[in-house]
Amino acid sequence: RVREAVVSTQSTGMIYGHSLKSNLVAIVIPDELAAASWAESKGISGSYEELCKRDDLKEEIMKQVNDKGRAGGLKSFEFAKKIHLSHEPFSVENDLTTPTFKLKRHNIAKFYKEQIDAMYEGLD
């Protein structure tokens, strides 16, 4: 249910909850075409990788995730408090999914450890 708030037709991702922390964070891979369309509507240019680094795109996606979560009846503790946008999709090639496209959560957490740690700074 919580993951469904992050995963949509315009993004994919993973919710992460550290066992010693009281908040959730998320790694989100925006849909490249949706990100380009958003940028065009705002008069912004740049590569997909550059767009994923923009705080305003992160805020827009966070708003969409929160709206979807509220519509799905999530409780406040089930919302990701921070998100990181990545341009690199979860795939078999980078060992972040299985051949049947199931997420390898442990591998994703290791791959994005620096970003996850940065998101948790100042949350608790």
PDB file of N, CA and C in Angstrom:
ATOM      1  N   ARG A   1       0.813  -1.195   0.000  1.00  0.00           N
ATOM      2  CA  ARG A   1       0.000   0.000   0.000  1.00  0.00           C
ATOM      3  C   ARG A   1       0.858   1.261   0.000  1.00  0.00           C
ATOM      4  N   VAL A   2       1.910   1.269   0.822  1.00  0.00           N
ATOM      5  CA  VAL A   2       2.787   2.430   0.904  1.00  0.00           C
ATOM      6  C   VAL A   2       3.564   2.585  -0.398  1.00  0.00           C
ATOM      7  N   ARG A   3       4.076   1.467  -0.933  1.00  0.00           N
ATOM      8  CA  ARG A   3       4.848   1.529  -2.174  1.00  0.00           C
ATOM      9  C   ARG A   3       3.992   2.037  -3.327  1.00  0.00           C
ATOM     10  N   GLU A   4       2.703   1.702  -3.310  1.00  0.00           N
ATOM     11  CA  GLU A   4       1.810   2.139  -4.379  1.00  0.00           C
ATOM     12  C   GLU A   4       1.698   3.655  -4.449  1.00  0.00           C
ATOM     13  N   ALA A   5       1.943   4.343  -3.337  1.00  0.00           N
ATOM     14  CA  ALA A   5       1.912   5.808  -3.345  1.00  0.00           C
ATOM     15  C   ALA A   5       3.086   6.369  -4.124  1.00  0.00           C
ATOM     16  N   VAL A   6       4.201   5.635  -4.155  1.00  0.00           N
ATOM     17  CA  VAL A   6       5.393   6.101  -4.873  1.00  0.00           C
ATOM     18  C   VAL A   6       5.357   5.652  -6.322  1.00  0.00           C
ATOM     19  N   VAL A   7       4.917   4.437  -6.548  1.00  0.00           N
ATOM     20  CA  VAL A   7       4.904   3.885  -7.899  1.00  0.00           C
ATOM     21  C   VAL A   7       3.636   4.337  -8.608  1.00  0.00           C
ATOM     22  N   SER A   8       3.824   4.924  -9.763  1.00  0.00           N
ATOM     23  CA  SER A   8       2.682   5.360 -10.566  1.00  0.00           C
ATOM     24  C   SER A   8       3.055   5.218 -12.025  1.00  0.00           C
ATOM     25  N   THR A   9       2.199   5.714 -12.876  1.00  0.00           N
ATOM     26  CA  THR A   9       2.520   5.669 -14.301  1.00  0.00           C
ATOM     27  C   THR A   9       3.630   6.653 -14.633  1.00  0.00           C
ATOM     28  N   GLN A  10       3.911   7.592 -13.717  1.00  0.00           N
ATOM     29  CA  GLN A  10       4.937   8.599 -13.988  1.00  0.00           C
ATOM     30  C   GLN A  10       6.215   8.392 -13.197  1.00  0.00           C
ATOM     31  N   SER A  11       6.284   7.334 -12.387  1.00  0.00           N
ATOM     32  CA  SER A  11       7.513   7.076 -11.643  1.00  0.00           C
ATOM     33  C   SER A  11       7.519   5.651 -11.125  1.00  0.00           C
ATOM     34  N   THR A  12       8.690   5.225 -10.713  1.00  0.00           N
ATOM     35  CA  THR A  12       8.840   3.973  -9.987  1.00  0.00           C
ATOM     36  C   THR A  12       9.754   4.278  -8.815  1.00  0.00           C
ATOM     37  N   GLY A  13       9.830   3.384  -7.871  1.00  0.00           N
ATOM     38  CA  GLY A  13      10.688   3.680  -6.746  1.00  0.00           C
ATOM     39  C   GLY A  13      10.585   2.662  -5.641  1.00  0.00           C
ATOM     40  N   MET A  14      11.229   3.002  -4.534  1.00  0.00           N
ATOM     41  CA  MET A  14      11.255   2.142  -3.373  1.00  0.00           C
ATOM     42  C   MET A  14      11.165   2.988  -2.116  1.00  0.00           C
ATOM     43  N   ILE A  15      10.288   2.590  -1.218  1.00  0.00           N
ATOM     44  CA  ILE A  15      10.204   3.195   0.105  1.00  0.00           C
ATOM     45  C   ILE A  15      11.237   2.487   0.979  1.00  0.00           C
ATOM     46  N   TYR A  16      11.948   3.262   1.791  1.00  0.00           N
ATOM     47  CA  TYR A  16      12.944   2.672   2.678  1.00  0.00           C
ATOM     48  C   TYR A  16      12.673   3.126   4.100  1.00  0.00           C
ATOM     49  N   GLY A  17      12.674   2.185   5.006  1.00  0.00           N
ATOM     50  CA  GLY A  17      12.517   2.495   6.414  1.00  0.00           C
ATOM     51  C   GLY A  17      13.642   1.876   7.203  1.00  0.00           C
ATOM     52  N   HIS A  18      14.451   2.710   7.838  1.00  0.00           N
ATOM     53  CA  HIS A  18      15.547   2.238   8.679  1.00  0.00           C
ATOM     54  C   HIS A  18      14.963   1.731   9.987  1.00  0.00           C
ATOM     55  N   SER A  19      15.429   0.598  10.457  1.00  0.00           N
ATOM     56  CA  SER A  19      14.847  -0.025  11.653  1.00  0.00           C
ATOM     57  C   SER A  19      14.988   0.829  12.906  1.00  0.00           C
ATOM     58  N   LEU A  20      15.952   1.727  12.942  1.00  0.00           N
ATOM     59  CA  LEU A  20      16.158   2.562  14.124  1.00  0.00           C
ATOM     60  C   LEU A  20      15.653   3.989  13.936  1.00  0.00           C
ATOM     61  N   LYS A  21      14.972   4.235  12.850  1.00  0.00           N
ATOM     62  CA  LYS A  21      14.439   5.571  12.561  1.00  0.00           C
ATOM     63  C   LYS A  21      12.921   5.524  12.545  1.00  0.00           C
ATOM     64  N   SER A  22      12.312   6.670  12.823  1.00  0.00           N
ATOM     65  CA  SER A  22      10.848   6.699  12.883  1.00  0.00           C
ATOM     66  C   SER A  22      10.206   7.236  11.604  1.00  0.00           C
ATOM     67  N   ASN A  23      11.010   7.512  10.591  1.00  0.00           N
ATOM     68  CA  ASN A  23      10.487   8.062   9.341  1.00  0.00           C
ATOM     69  C   ASN A  23      10.862   7.193   8.155  1.00  0.00           C
ATOM     70  N   LEU A  24      10.079   7.324   7.096  1.00  0.00           N
ATOM     71  CA  LEU A  24      10.375   6.645   5.839  1.00  0.00           C
ATOM     72  C   LEU A  24      10.959   7.644   4.849  1.00  0.00           C
ATOM     73  N   VAL A  25      11.812   7.153   3.969  1.00  0.00           N
ATOM     74  CA  VAL A  25      12.334   7.946   2.853  1.00  0.00           C
ATOM     75  C   VAL A  25      12.098   7.119   1.589  1.00  0.00           C
ATOM     76  N   ALA A  26      12.279   7.727   0.436  1.00  0.00           N
ATOM     77  CA  ALA A  26      12.022   7.007  -0.814  1.00  0.00           C
ATOM     78  C   ALA A  26      13.039   7.366  -1.883  1.00  0.00           C
ATOM     79  N   ILE A  27      13.365   6.372  -2.676  1.00  0.00           N
ATOM     80  CA  ILE A  27      14.144   6.559  -3.900  1.00  0.00           C
ATOM     81  C   ILE A  27      13.119   6.510  -5.030  1.00  0.00           C
ATOM     82  N   VAL A  28      13.067   7.555  -5.842  1.00  0.00           N
ATOM     83  CA  VAL A  28      12.085   7.639  -6.920  1.00  0.00           C
ATOM     84  C   VAL A  28      12.804   7.841  -8.248  1.00  0.00           C
ATOM     85  N   ILE A  29      12.419   7.054  -9.232  1.00  0.00           N
ATOM     86  CA  ILE A  29      12.925   7.211 -10.593  1.00  0.00           C
ATOM     87  C   ILE A  29      11.766   7.736 -11.424  1.00  0.00           C
ATOM     88  N   PRO A  30      11.782   9.047 -11.719  1.00  0.00           N
ATOM     89  CA  PRO A  30      10.679   9.620 -12.498  1.00  0.00           C
ATOM     90  C   PRO A  30      10.668   9.072 -13.924  1.00  0.00           C
ATOM     91  N   ASP A  31       9.490   8.990 -14.488  1.00  0.00           N
ATOM     92  CA  ASP A  31       9.365   8.632 -15.891  1.00  0.00           C
ATOM     93  C   ASP A  31      10.029   9.738 -16.714  1.00  0.00           C
ATOM     94  N   GLU A  32      10.901   9.355 -17.617  1.00  0.00           N
ATOM     95  CA  GLU A  32      11.676  10.338 -18.381  1.00  0.00           C
ATOM     96  C   GLU A  32      10.787  11.254 -19.217  1.00  0.00           C
ATOM     97  N   LEU A  33       9.769  10.691 -19.864  1.00  0.00           N
ATOM     98  CA  LEU A  33       8.879  11.517 -20.684  1.00  0.00           C
ATOM     99  C   LEU A  33       8.040  12.462 -19.827  1.00  0.00           C
ATOM    100  N   ALA A  34       7.587  11.990 -18.669  1.00  0.00           N
ATOM    101  CA  ALA A  34       6.804  12.838 -17.767  1.00  0.00           C
ATOM    102  C   ALA A  34       7.674  13.974 -17.224  1.00  0.00           C
ATOM    103  N   ALA A  35       8.930  13.681 -16.911  1.00  0.00           N
ATOM    104  CA  ALA A  35       9.844  14.718 -16.424  1.00  0.00           C
ATOM    105  C   ALA A  35      10.102  15.758 -17.517  1.00  0.00           C
ATOM    106  N   ALA A  36      10.292  15.293 -18.744  1.00  0.00           N
ATOM    107  CA  ALA A  36      10.516  16.215 -19.862  1.00  0.00           C
ATOM    108  C   ALA A  36       9.280  17.076 -20.116  1.00  0.00           C
ATOM    109  N   SER A  37       8.109  16.479 -20.022  1.00  0.00           N
ATOM    110  CA  SER A  37       6.863  17.218 -20.211  1.00  0.00           C
ATOM    111  C   SER A  37       6.694  18.273 -19.113  1.00  0.00           C
ATOM    112  N   TRP A  38       6.990  17.900 -17.873  1.00  0.00           N
ATOM    113  CA  TRP A  38       6.924  18.848 -16.759  1.00  0.00           C
ATOM    114  C   TRP A  38       7.878  20.015 -17.000  1.00  0.00           C
ATOM    115  N   ALA A  39       9.119  19.693 -17.407  1.00  0.00           N
ATOM    116  CA  ALA A  39      10.121  20.730 -17.651  1.00  0.00           C
ATOM    117  C   ALA A  39       9.677  21.669 -18.772  1.00  0.00           C
ATOM    118  N   GLU A  40       9.130  21.104 -19.831  1.00  0.00           N
ATOM    119  CA  GLU A  40       8.665  21.915 -20.956  1.00  0.00           C
ATOM    120  C   GLU A  40       7.544  22.853 -20.515  1.00  0.00           C
ATOM    121  N   SER A  41       6.637  22.355 -19.686  1.00  0.00           N
ATOM    122  CA  SER A  41       5.524  23.188 -19.216  1.00  0.00           C
ATOM    123  C   SER A  41       5.996  24.333 -18.322  1.00  0.00           C
ATOM    124  N   LYS A  42       7.174  24.179 -17.724  1.00  0.00           N
ATOM    125  CA  LYS A  42       7.741  25.208 -16.851  1.00  0.00           C
ATOM    126  C   LYS A  42       8.784  26.063 -17.565  1.00  0.00           C
ATOM    127  N   GLY A  43       9.038  25.756 -18.844  1.00  0.00           N
ATOM    128  CA  GLY A  43      10.051  26.501 -19.590  1.00  0.00           C
ATOM    129  C   GLY A  43      11.466  26.190 -19.158  1.00  0.00           C
ATOM    130  N   ILE A  44      11.667  24.979 -18.686  1.00  0.00           N
ATOM    131  CA  ILE A  44      12.975  24.539 -18.196  1.00  0.00           C
ATOM    132  C   ILE A  44      13.595  23.600 -19.210  1.00  0.00           C
ATOM    133  N   SER A  45      14.892  23.754 -19.443  1.00  0.00           N
ATOM    134  CA  SER A  45      15.583  22.830 -20.339  1.00  0.00           C
ATOM    135  C   SER A  45      16.665  22.100 -19.547  1.00  0.00           C
ATOM    136  N   GLY A  46      17.067  20.982 -20.072  1.00  0.00           N
ATOM    137  CA  GLY A  46      18.122  20.201 -19.433  1.00  0.00           C
ATOM    138  C   GLY A  46      17.933  18.732 -19.724  1.00  0.00           C
ATOM    139  N   SER A  47      18.988  17.983 -19.468  1.00  0.00           N
ATOM    140  CA  SER A  47      18.926  16.537 -19.673  1.00  0.00           C
ATOM    141  C   SER A  47      18.082  15.903 -18.574  1.00  0.00           C
ATOM    142  N   TYR A  48      17.715  14.669 -18.787  1.00  0.00           N
ATOM    143  CA  TYR A  48      16.953  13.926 -17.783  1.00  0.00           C
ATOM    144  C   TYR A  48      17.723  13.882 -16.460  1.00  0.00           C
ATOM    145  N   GLU A  49      19.008  13.623 -16.541  1.00  0.00           N
ATOM    146  CA  GLU A  49      19.851  13.579 -15.341  1.00  0.00           C
ATOM    147  C   GLU A  49      19.839  14.927 -14.616  1.00  0.00           C
ATOM    148  N   GLU A  50      19.927  16.026 -15.366  1.00  0.00           N
ATOM    149  CA  GLU A  50      19.887  17.365 -14.763  1.00  0.00           C
ATOM    150  C   GLU A  50      18.524  17.648 -14.130  1.00  0.00           C
ATOM    151  N   LEU A  51      17.453  17.227 -14.801  1.00  0.00           N
ATOM    152  CA  LEU A  51      16.112  17.436 -14.249  1.00  0.00           C
ATOM    153  C   LEU A  51      15.943  16.706 -12.923  1.00  0.00           C
ATOM    154  N   CYS A  52      16.504  15.508 -12.813  1.00  0.00           N
ATOM    155  CA  CYS A  52      16.387  14.732 -11.578  1.00  0.00           C
ATOM    156  C   CYS A  52      17.102  15.396 -10.405  1.00  0.00           C
ATOM    157  N   LYS A  53      17.972  16.332 -10.672  1.00  0.00           N
ATOM    158  CA  LYS A  53      18.685  17.048  -9.607  1.00  0.00           C
ATOM    159  C   LYS A  53      17.950  18.311  -9.159  1.00  0.00           C
ATOM    160  N   ARG A  54      16.885  18.657  -9.832  1.00  0.00           N
ATOM    161  CA  ARG A  54      16.159  19.903  -9.540  1.00  0.00           C
ATOM    162  C   ARG A  54      15.228  19.743  -8.340  1.00  0.00           C
ATOM    163  N   ASP A  55      15.334  20.685  -7.412  1.00  0.00           N
ATOM    164  CA  ASP A  55      14.475  20.664  -6.230  1.00  0.00           C
ATOM    165  C   ASP A  55      13.006  20.869  -6.587  1.00  0.00           C
ATOM    166  N   ASP A  56      12.733  21.689  -7.625  1.00  0.00           N
ATOM    167  CA  ASP A  56      11.330  21.931  -7.971  1.00  0.00           C
ATOM    168  C   ASP A  56      10.665  20.689  -8.556  1.00  0.00           C
ATOM    169  N   LEU A  57      11.399  19.857  -9.286  1.00  0.00           N
ATOM    170  CA  LEU A  57      10.840  18.597  -9.765  1.00  0.00           C
ATOM    171  C   LEU A  57      10.627  17.657  -8.584  1.00  0.00           C
ATOM    172  N   LYS A  58      11.581  17.626  -7.664  1.00  0.00           N
ATOM    173  CA  LYS A  58      11.442  16.798  -6.460  1.00  0.00           C
ATOM    174  C   LYS A  58      10.198  17.209  -5.671  1.00  0.00           C
ATOM    175  N   GLU A  59       9.978  18.509  -5.534  1.00  0.00           N
ATOM    176  CA  GLU A  59       8.793  18.988  -4.812  1.00  0.00           C
ATOM    177  C   GLU A  59       7.506  18.578  -5.524  1.00  0.00           C
ATOM    178  N   GLU A  60       7.492  18.665  -6.852  1.00  0.00           N
ATOM    179  CA  GLU A  60       6.311  18.274  -7.621  1.00  0.00           C
ATOM    180  C   GLU A  60       6.015  16.784  -7.450  1.00  0.00           C
ATOM    181  N   ILE A  61       7.046  15.971  -7.514  1.00  0.00           N
ATOM    182  CA  ILE A  61       6.850  14.527  -7.365  1.00  0.00           C
ATOM    183  C   ILE A  61       6.438  14.192  -5.933  1.00  0.00           C
ATOM    184  N   MET A  62       7.023  14.880  -4.969  1.00  0.00           N
ATOM    185  CA  MET A  62       6.647  14.657  -3.570  1.00  0.00           C
ATOM    186  C   MET A  62       5.168  15.001  -3.361  1.00  0.00           C
ATOM    187  N   LYS A  63       4.714  16.072  -4.001  1.00  0.00           N
ATOM    188  CA  LYS A  63       3.302  16.463  -3.916  1.00  0.00           C
ATOM    189  C   LYS A  63       2.423  15.370  -4.517  1.00  0.00           C
ATOM    190  N   GLN A  64       2.811  14.847  -5.682  1.00  0.00           N
ATOM    191  CA  GLN A  64       2.048  13.788  -6.334  1.00  0.00           C
ATOM    192  C   GLN A  64       2.003  12.525  -5.464  1.00  0.00           C
ATOM    193  N   VAL A  65       3.144  12.173  -4.874  1.00  0.00           N
ATOM    194  CA  VAL A  65       3.217  10.998  -4.010  1.00  0.00           C
ATOM    195  C   VAL A  65       2.311  11.183  -2.794  1.00  0.00           C
ATOM    196  N   ASN A  66       2.367  12.364  -2.180  1.00  0.00           N
ATOM    197  CA  ASN A  66       1.530  12.627  -1.010  1.00  0.00           C
ATOM    198  C   ASN A  66       0.046  12.635  -1.364  1.00  0.00           C
ATOM    199  N   ASP A  67      -0.300  13.232  -2.501  1.00  0.00           N
ATOM    200  CA  ASP A  67      -1.701  13.239  -2.937  1.00  0.00           C
ATOM    201  C   ASP A  67      -2.212  11.814  -3.155  1.00  0.00           C
ATOM    202  N   LYS A  68      -1.388  10.995  -3.805  1.00  0.00           N
ATOM    203  CA  LYS A  68      -1.779   9.615  -4.061  1.00  0.00           C
ATOM    204  C   LYS A  68      -1.894   8.845  -2.745  1.00  0.00           C
ATOM    205  N   GLY A  69      -0.987   9.120  -1.807  1.00  0.00           N
ATOM    206  CA  GLY A  69      -1.044   8.464  -0.501  1.00  0.00           C
ATOM    207  C   GLY A  69      -2.286   8.836   0.277  1.00  0.00           C
ATOM    208  N   ARG A  70      -2.632  10.118   0.265  1.00  0.00           N
ATOM    209  CA  ARG A  70      -3.850  10.568   0.957  1.00  0.00           C
ATOM    210  C   ARG A  70      -5.082   9.927   0.333  1.00  0.00           C
ATOM    211  N   ALA A  71      -5.117   9.885  -0.995  1.00  0.00           N
ATOM    212  CA  ALA A  71      -6.253   9.276  -1.690  1.00  0.00           C
ATOM    213  C   ALA A  71      -6.347   7.779  -1.376  1.00  0.00           C
ATOM    214  N   GLY A  72      -5.186   7.165  -1.122  1.00  0.00           N
ATOM    215  CA  GLY A  72      -5.165   5.736  -0.790  1.00  0.00           C
ATOM    216  C   GLY A  72      -5.377   5.448   0.680  1.00  0.00           C
ATOM    217  N   GLY A  73      -5.581   6.505   1.475  1.00  0.00           N
ATOM    218  CA  GLY A  73      -5.877   6.317   2.892  1.00  0.00           C
ATOM    219  C   GLY A  73      -4.677   6.025   3.768  1.00  0.00           C
ATOM    220  N   LEU A  74      -3.483   6.427   3.339  1.00  0.00           N
ATOM    221  CA  LEU A  74      -2.305   6.194   4.172  1.00  0.00           C
ATOM    222  C   LEU A  74      -2.357   7.047   5.434  1.00  0.00           C
ATOM    223  N   LYS A  75      -1.798   6.513   6.504  1.00  0.00           N
ATOM    224  CA  LYS A  75      -1.654   7.252   7.759  1.00  0.00           C
ATOM    225  C   LYS A  75      -0.410   8.128   7.653  1.00  0.00           C
ATOM    226  N   SER A  76      -0.301   9.149   8.476  1.00  0.00           N
ATOM    227  CA  SER A  76       0.810  10.102   8.374  1.00  0.00           C
ATOM    228  C   SER A  76       2.175   9.429   8.519  1.00  0.00           C
ATOM    229  N   PHE A  77       2.273   8.388   9.359  1.00  0.00           N
ATOM    230  CA  PHE A  77       3.567   7.721   9.541  1.00  0.00           C
ATOM    231  C   PHE A  77       3.949   6.846   8.348  1.00  0.00           C
ATOM    232  N   GLU A  78       3.026   6.633   7.419  1.00  0.00           N
ATOM    233  CA  GLU A  78       3.305   5.816   6.246  1.00  0.00           C
ATOM    234  C   GLU A  78       3.836   6.634   5.068  1.00  0.00           C
ATOM    235  N   PHE A  79       3.865   7.949   5.203  1.00  0.00           N
ATOM    236  CA  PHE A  79       4.361   8.816   4.134  1.00  0.00           C
ATOM    237  C   PHE A  79       5.881   8.930   4.192  1.00  0.00           C
ATOM    238  N   ALA A  80       6.517   8.951   3.041  1.00  0.00           N
ATOM    239  CA  ALA A  80       7.950   9.234   2.979  1.00  0.00           C
ATOM    240  C   ALA A  80       8.144  10.713   3.312  1.00  0.00           C
ATOM    241  N   LYS A  81       9.064  10.994   4.202  1.00  0.00           N
ATOM    242  CA  LYS A  81       9.297  12.379   4.617  1.00  0.00           C
ATOM    243  C   LYS A  81      10.234  13.099   3.649  1.00  0.00           C
ATOM    244  N   LYS A  82      11.090  12.338   2.984  1.00  0.00           N
ATOM    245  CA  LYS A  82      11.990  12.905   1.976  1.00  0.00           C
ATOM    246  C   LYS A  82      12.118  11.899   0.839  1.00  0.00           C
ATOM    247  N   ILE A  83      12.414  12.442  -0.346  1.00  0.00           N
ATOM    248  CA  ILE A  83      12.654  11.570  -1.495  1.00  0.00           C
ATOM    249  C   ILE A  83      13.950  11.980  -2.185  1.00  0.00           C
ATOM    250  N   HIS A  84      14.535  11.015  -2.856  1.00  0.00           N
ATOM    251  CA  HIS A  84      15.701  11.278  -3.713  1.00  0.00           C
ATOM    252  C   HIS A  84      15.309  10.873  -5.119  1.00  0.00           C
ATOM    253  N   LEU A  85      15.517  11.758  -6.077  1.00  0.00           N
ATOM    254  CA  LEU A  85      15.240  11.434  -7.478  1.00  0.00           C
ATOM    255  C   LEU A  85      16.502  10.897  -8.126  1.00  0.00           C
ATOM    256  N   SER A  86      16.356   9.796  -8.813  1.00  0.00           N
ATOM    257  CA  SER A  86      17.481   9.190  -9.516  1.00  0.00           C
ATOM    258  C   SER A  86      17.126   9.035 -10.987  1.00  0.00           C
ATOM    259  N   HIS A  87      18.121   9.214 -11.820  1.00  0.00           N
ATOM    260  CA  HIS A  87      17.917   9.044 -13.259  1.00  0.00           C
ATOM    261  C   HIS A  87      18.222   7.607 -13.690  1.00  0.00           C
ATOM    262  N   GLU A  88      18.811   6.822 -12.800  1.00  0.00           N
ATOM    263  CA  GLU A  88      19.204   5.464 -13.147  1.00  0.00           C
ATOM    264  C   GLU A  88      18.107   4.484 -12.759  1.00  0.00           C
ATOM    265  N   PRO A  89      17.501   3.821 -13.731  1.00  0.00           N
ATOM    266  CA  PRO A  89      16.391   2.908 -13.421  1.00  0.00           C
ATOM    267  C   PRO A  89      16.872   1.662 -12.678  1.00  0.00           C
ATOM    268  N   PHE A  90      15.971   1.077 -11.900  1.00  0.00           N
ATOM    269  CA  PHE A  90      16.243  -0.210 -11.284  1.00  0.00           C
ATOM    270  C   PHE A  90      16.205  -1.240 -12.410  1.00  0.00           C
ATOM    271  N   SER A  91      17.249  -2.032 -12.535  1.00  0.00           N
ATOM    272  CA  SER A  91      17.288  -3.004 -13.628  1.00  0.00           C
ATOM    273  C   SER A  91      18.082  -4.243 -13.235  1.00  0.00           C
ATOM    274  N   VAL A  92      17.989  -5.266 -14.066  1.00  0.00           N
ATOM    275  CA  VAL A  92      18.767  -6.483 -13.871  1.00  0.00           C
ATOM    276  C   VAL A  92      20.244  -6.164 -14.089  1.00  0.00           C
ATOM    277  N   GLU A  93      20.531  -5.283 -15.043  1.00  0.00           N
ATOM    278  CA  GLU A  93      21.915  -4.957 -15.383  1.00  0.00           C
ATOM    279  C   GLU A  93      22.673  -4.323 -14.216  1.00  0.00           C
ATOM    280  N   ASN A  94      22.002  -3.488 -13.435  1.00  0.00           N
ATOM    281  CA  ASN A  94      22.699  -2.885 -12.294  1.00  0.00           C
ATOM    282  C   ASN A  94      22.408  -3.649 -10.997  1.00  0.00           C
ATOM    283  N   ASP A  95      21.829  -4.846 -11.116  1.00  0.00           N
ATOM    284  CA  ASP A  95      21.569  -5.776 -10.017  1.00  0.00           C
ATOM    285  C   ASP A  95      20.619  -5.200  -8.970  1.00  0.00           C
ATOM    286  N   LEU A  96      19.684  -4.353  -9.412  1.00  0.00           N
ATOM    287  CA  LEU A  96      18.705  -3.782  -8.487  1.00  0.00           C
ATOM    288  C   LEU A  96      17.333  -4.442  -8.614  1.00  0.00           C
ATOM    289  N   THR A  97      17.175  -5.308  -9.637  1.00  0.00           N
ATOM    290  CA  THR A  97      15.960  -6.118  -9.756  1.00  0.00           C
ATOM    291  C   THR A  97      16.349  -7.543 -10.135  1.00  0.00           C
ATOM    292  N   THR A  98      15.411  -8.440  -9.915  1.00  0.00           N
ATOM    293  CA  THR A  98      15.595  -9.823 -10.343  1.00  0.00           C
ATOM    294  C   THR A  98      15.204  -9.915 -11.818  1.00  0.00           C
ATOM    295  N   PRO A  99      15.474 -11.045 -12.466  1.00  0.00           N
ATOM    296  CA  PRO A  99      15.030 -11.200 -13.858  1.00  0.00           C
ATOM    297  C   PRO A  99      13.511 -11.079 -14.024  1.00  0.00           C
ATOM    298  N   THR A 100      12.749 -11.286 -12.945  1.00  0.00           N
ATOM    299  CA  THR A 100      11.296 -11.123 -13.019  1.00  0.00           C
ATOM    300  C   THR A 100      10.875  -9.734 -12.536  1.00  0.00           C
ATOM    301  N   PHE A 101      11.830  -8.820 -12.450  1.00  0.00           N
ATOM    302  CA  PHE A 101      11.618  -7.399 -12.131  1.00  0.00           C
ATOM    303  C   PHE A 101      11.130  -7.129 -10.711  1.00  0.00           C
ATOM    304  N   LYS A 102      11.427  -8.032  -9.791  1.00  0.00           N
ATOM    305  CA  LYS A 102      11.166  -7.767  -8.376  1.00  0.00           C
ATOM    306  C   LYS A 102      12.343  -6.958  -7.837  1.00  0.00           C
ATOM    307  N   LEU A 103      12.040  -5.998  -6.978  1.00  0.00           N
ATOM    308  CA  LEU A 103      13.099  -5.148  -6.435  1.00  0.00           C
ATOM    309  C   LEU A 103      13.997  -5.933  -5.494  1.00  0.00           C
ATOM    310  N   LYS A 104      15.300  -5.712  -5.630  1.00  0.00           N
ATOM    311  CA  LYS A 104      16.271  -6.257  -4.681  1.00  0.00           C
ATOM    312  C   LYS A 104      16.527  -5.148  -3.662  1.00  0.00           C
ATOM    313  N   ARG A 105      15.679  -5.118  -2.628  1.00  0.00           N
ATOM    314  CA  ARG A 105      15.689  -4.016  -1.668  1.00  0.00           C
ATOM    315  C   ARG A 105      17.050  -3.832  -1.002  1.00  0.00           C
ATOM    316  N   HIS A 106      17.697  -4.920  -0.618  1.00  0.00           N
ATOM    317  CA  HIS A 106      19.005  -4.819   0.040  1.00  0.00           C
ATOM    318  C   HIS A 106      20.030  -4.188  -0.902  1.00  0.00           C
ATOM    319  N   ASN A 107      20.027  -4.619  -2.155  1.00  0.00           N
ATOM    320  CA  ASN A 107      20.971  -4.059  -3.140  1.00  0.00           C
ATOM    321  C   ASN A 107      20.682  -2.585  -3.401  1.00  0.00           C
ATOM    322  N   ILE A 108      19.399  -2.235  -3.469  1.00  0.00           N
ATOM    323  CA  ILE A 108      19.026  -0.831  -3.685  1.00  0.00           C
ATOM    324  C   ILE A 108      19.480   0.013  -2.509  1.00  0.00           C
ATOM    325  N   ALA A 109      19.277  -0.491  -1.288  1.00  0.00           N
ATOM    326  CA  ALA A 109      19.701   0.249  -0.094  1.00  0.00           C
ATOM    327  C   ALA A 109      21.219   0.440  -0.078  1.00  0.00           C
ATOM    328  N   LYS A 110      21.967  -0.561  -0.512  1.00  0.00           N
ATOM    329  CA  LYS A 110      23.432  -0.421  -0.578  1.00  0.00           C
ATOM    330  C   LYS A 110      23.830   0.559  -1.682  1.00  0.00           C
ATOM    331  N   PHE A 111      23.193   0.439  -2.832  1.00  0.00           N
ATOM    332  CA  PHE A 111      23.509   1.286  -3.989  1.00  0.00           C
ATOM    333  C   PHE A 111      23.265   2.769  -3.683  1.00  0.00           C
ATOM    334  N   TYR A 112      22.184   3.049  -2.932  1.00  0.00           N
ATOM    335  CA  TYR A 112      21.804   4.425  -2.608  1.00  0.00           C
ATOM    336  C   TYR A 112      22.105   4.798  -1.159  1.00  0.00           C
ATOM    337  N   LYS A 113      23.038   4.101  -0.517  1.00  0.00           N
ATOM    338  CA  LYS A 113      23.325   4.333   0.901  1.00  0.00           C
ATOM    339  C   LYS A 113      23.646   5.794   1.196  1.00  0.00           C
ATOM    340  N   GLU A 114      24.476   6.403   0.392  1.00  0.00           N
ATOM    341  CA  GLU A 114      24.860   7.805   0.613  1.00  0.00           C
ATOM    342  C   GLU A 114      23.638   8.727   0.549  1.00  0.00           C
ATOM    343  N   GLN A 115      22.778   8.521  -0.429  1.00  0.00           N
ATOM    344  CA  GLN A 115      21.585   9.344  -0.583  1.00  0.00           C
ATOM    345  C   GLN A 115      20.583   9.085   0.553  1.00  0.00           C
ATOM    346  N   ILE A 116      20.448   7.827   0.959  1.00  0.00           N
ATOM    347  CA  ILE A 116      19.541   7.491   2.060  1.00  0.00           C
ATOM    348  C   ILE A 116      20.025   8.137   3.354  1.00  0.00           C
ATOM    349  N   ASP A 117      21.328   8.022   3.623  1.00  0.00           N
ATOM    350  CA  ASP A 117      21.885   8.642   4.832  1.00  0.00           C
ATOM    351  C   ASP A 117      21.668  10.149   4.814  1.00  0.00           C
ATOM    352  N   ALA A 118      21.843  10.766   3.654  1.00  0.00           N
ATOM    353  CA  ALA A 118      21.650  12.218   3.540  1.00  0.00           C
ATOM    354  C   ALA A 118      20.189  12.594   3.793  1.00  0.00           C
ATOM    355  N   MET A 119      19.247  11.775   3.327  1.00  0.00           N
ATOM    356  CA  MET A 119      17.838  12.075   3.558  1.00  0.00           C
ATOM    357  C   MET A 119      17.492  11.956   5.039  1.00  0.00           C
ATOM    358  N   TYR A 120      18.116  11.026   5.739  1.00  0.00           N
ATOM    359  CA  TYR A 120      17.811  10.834   7.156  1.00  0.00           C
ATOM    360  C   TYR A 120      18.439  11.910   8.045  1.00  0.00           C
ATOM    361  N   GLU A 121      19.453  12.600   7.534  1.00  0.00           N
ATOM    362  CA  GLU A 121      20.071  13.656   8.344  1.00  0.00           C
ATOM    363  C   GLU A 121      19.024  14.724   8.674  1.00  0.00           C
ATOM    364  N   GLY A 122      18.871  15.012   9.936  1.00  0.00           N
ATOM    365  CA  GLY A 122      17.971  16.056  10.375  1.00  0.00           C
ATOM    366  C   GLY A 122      16.507  15.645  10.464  1.00  0.00           C
ATOM    367  N   LEU A 123      16.158  14.392  10.151  1.00  0.00           N
ATOM    368  CA  LEU A 123      14.758  13.973  10.239  1.00  0.00           C
ATOM    369  C   LEU A 123      14.345  13.647  11.664  1.00  0.00           C
ATOM    370  N   ASP A 124      15.231  13.016  12.425  1.00  0.00           N
ATOM    371  CA  ASP A 124      14.844  12.624  13.801  1.00  0.00           C
ATOM    372  C   ASP A 124      15.307  13.620  14.835  1.00  0.00           C
TER     373      ASP A 124
END
